[in-house]
Protein backbone atom coordinates (compact mmCIF):
# COMPACT_ATOMS: atom_id res chain seq x y z
CA MET A 1 -118.10 -138.51 -25.73
CA LEU A 2 -120.80 -137.82 -23.18
CA ILE A 3 -124.23 -139.46 -23.21
CA TYR A 4 -127.05 -138.52 -20.87
CA LYS A 5 -129.52 -140.29 -18.59
CA ILE A 6 -132.68 -138.53 -17.37
CA VAL A 7 -133.63 -139.66 -13.86
CA PRO A 8 -136.27 -138.45 -11.38
CA ARG A 9 -134.42 -136.72 -8.52
CA ALA A 10 -135.93 -138.94 -5.80
CA GLU A 11 -134.83 -142.07 -7.66
CA TRP A 12 -131.35 -140.65 -8.17
CA ILE A 13 -130.99 -139.74 -4.50
CA ALA A 14 -132.16 -143.21 -3.47
CA ALA A 15 -129.44 -144.90 -5.55
CA THR A 16 -126.61 -145.73 -3.19
CA ASP A 17 -124.09 -147.23 -5.62
CA ASP A 18 -124.14 -148.12 -9.30
CA TYR A 19 -127.46 -147.12 -10.89
CA ALA A 20 -129.51 -150.14 -12.02
CA GLY A 21 -132.04 -148.06 -13.98
CA SER A 22 -135.70 -147.20 -13.70
CA ALA A 23 -138.50 -149.77 -13.72
CA HIS A 24 -138.89 -149.00 -17.45
CA ASP A 25 -135.17 -149.63 -18.04
CA ARG A 26 -135.24 -152.89 -16.14
CA ALA A 27 -138.33 -154.07 -18.04
CA ASP A 28 -136.59 -153.33 -21.36
CA GLY A 29 -133.36 -155.01 -20.22
CA PHE A 30 -131.16 -151.95 -20.70
CA LEU A 31 -130.73 -148.35 -19.55
CA HIS A 32 -131.98 -145.72 -22.00
CA PHE A 33 -129.65 -142.82 -22.79
CA SER A 34 -129.69 -139.87 -25.18
CA THR A 35 -127.08 -137.81 -26.92
CA ALA A 36 -127.05 -134.05 -26.35
CA ALA A 37 -128.93 -133.57 -29.63
CA GLN A 38 -131.58 -136.14 -28.64
CA LEU A 39 -132.29 -134.72 -25.17
CA PRO A 40 -134.95 -132.10 -26.04
CA GLU A 41 -137.10 -134.62 -27.93
CA THR A 42 -136.64 -137.31 -25.26
CA LEU A 43 -137.79 -134.86 -22.60
CA ARG A 44 -140.77 -133.75 -24.70
CA LEU A 45 -141.92 -137.28 -25.53
CA TYR A 46 -141.34 -139.09 -22.25
CA TYR A 47 -141.03 -136.54 -19.44
CA ALA A 48 -143.39 -133.66 -20.31
CA THR A 49 -145.50 -134.19 -17.18
CA HIS A 50 -142.52 -134.80 -14.89
CA ASP A 51 -140.90 -132.33 -12.55
CA ASP A 52 -137.79 -132.56 -10.41
CA LEU A 53 -135.58 -134.40 -12.88
CA MET A 54 -131.83 -134.90 -12.89
CA LEU A 55 -129.56 -135.14 -15.90
CA VAL A 56 -126.64 -137.52 -15.49
CA ALA A 57 -123.66 -137.17 -17.83
CA VAL A 58 -121.82 -140.38 -18.61
CA ASN A 59 -118.53 -141.05 -20.35
CA ALA A 60 -119.64 -143.38 -23.16
CA GLU A 61 -116.18 -144.93 -23.54
CA ALA A 62 -116.18 -145.95 -19.86
CA CYS A 63 -119.25 -148.12 -20.49
CA ARG A 64 -117.16 -150.32 -22.82
CA ASP A 65 -118.86 -153.24 -24.54
CA ALA A 66 -122.03 -152.94 -22.43
CA LEU A 67 -123.01 -149.82 -24.43
CA LYS A 68 -124.79 -150.53 -27.71
CA TRP A 69 -126.03 -147.99 -30.26
CA GLU A 70 -129.39 -149.25 -31.48
CA PHE A 71 -131.87 -147.96 -34.00
CA SER A 72 -135.23 -146.82 -32.68
CA PRO A 73 -137.92 -147.15 -35.37
CA SER A 74 -140.28 -144.88 -33.43
CA ARG A 75 -137.68 -142.10 -33.18
CA GLY A 76 -135.79 -142.68 -36.42
CA GLY A 77 -132.26 -142.71 -35.07
CA SER A 78 -129.66 -144.64 -33.11
CA PHE A 79 -129.73 -144.34 -29.33
CA PRO A 80 -127.22 -145.44 -26.70
CA HIS A 81 -128.44 -148.36 -24.59
CA LEU A 82 -126.46 -149.70 -21.64
CA TYR A 83 -126.82 -153.43 -20.99
CA ASP A 84 -125.44 -153.22 -17.46
CA ALA A 85 -125.79 -151.07 -14.36
CA LEU A 86 -124.40 -147.57 -14.70
CA SER A 87 -121.07 -147.60 -12.90
CA CYS A 88 -120.16 -144.71 -10.64
CA ASP A 89 -116.81 -144.61 -12.46
CA ALA A 90 -118.53 -143.78 -15.78
CA MET A 91 -120.57 -140.89 -14.33
CA LYS A 92 -119.16 -137.41 -14.84
CA TRP A 93 -121.81 -135.30 -13.12
CA ALA A 94 -125.49 -135.04 -12.19
CA ARG A 95 -127.35 -131.73 -12.47
CA PRO A 96 -131.00 -130.70 -12.08
CA ILE A 97 -133.18 -130.05 -15.11
CA ALA A 98 -135.26 -126.92 -14.57
CA LYS A 99 -138.53 -125.80 -16.13
CA ASP A 100 -139.41 -122.25 -17.09
CA ALA A 101 -142.73 -120.49 -16.32
CA THR A 102 -144.33 -122.07 -19.40
CA GLY A 103 -143.26 -125.59 -18.44
CA ARG A 104 -140.45 -125.87 -21.01
CA PHE A 105 -137.35 -127.75 -19.88
CA ILE A 106 -134.13 -125.85 -19.34
CA LEU A 107 -131.14 -128.11 -19.65
CA PRO A 108 -128.07 -127.51 -17.50
CA GLU A 109 -124.69 -126.79 -19.08
CA LEU A 110 -123.75 -130.03 -20.87
CA SER A 111 -119.95 -129.77 -20.77
């Protein structure tokens, strides 16, 4: 199963090895991920004013016991949270997230 991490492109490019997460991730103590079904709402709620984003696909099984599915009361569902740095071995690909002329996000192919 793939899970997805949304990362500003500049931050992604600056990462030289395993990804330790954004300042928000580090403050929360875990890296925030979304499932494919959760991505549109995550982008709308948390990234609406952002441009130049990357979507990183991650093999959930490769994260082993560091990956926890936790309920989010504000969103009403379980979300994948990684309590460790994101290992290069778990990453499948990283692709840009585009925006159309109206500012709506266009996700890359998720497979």
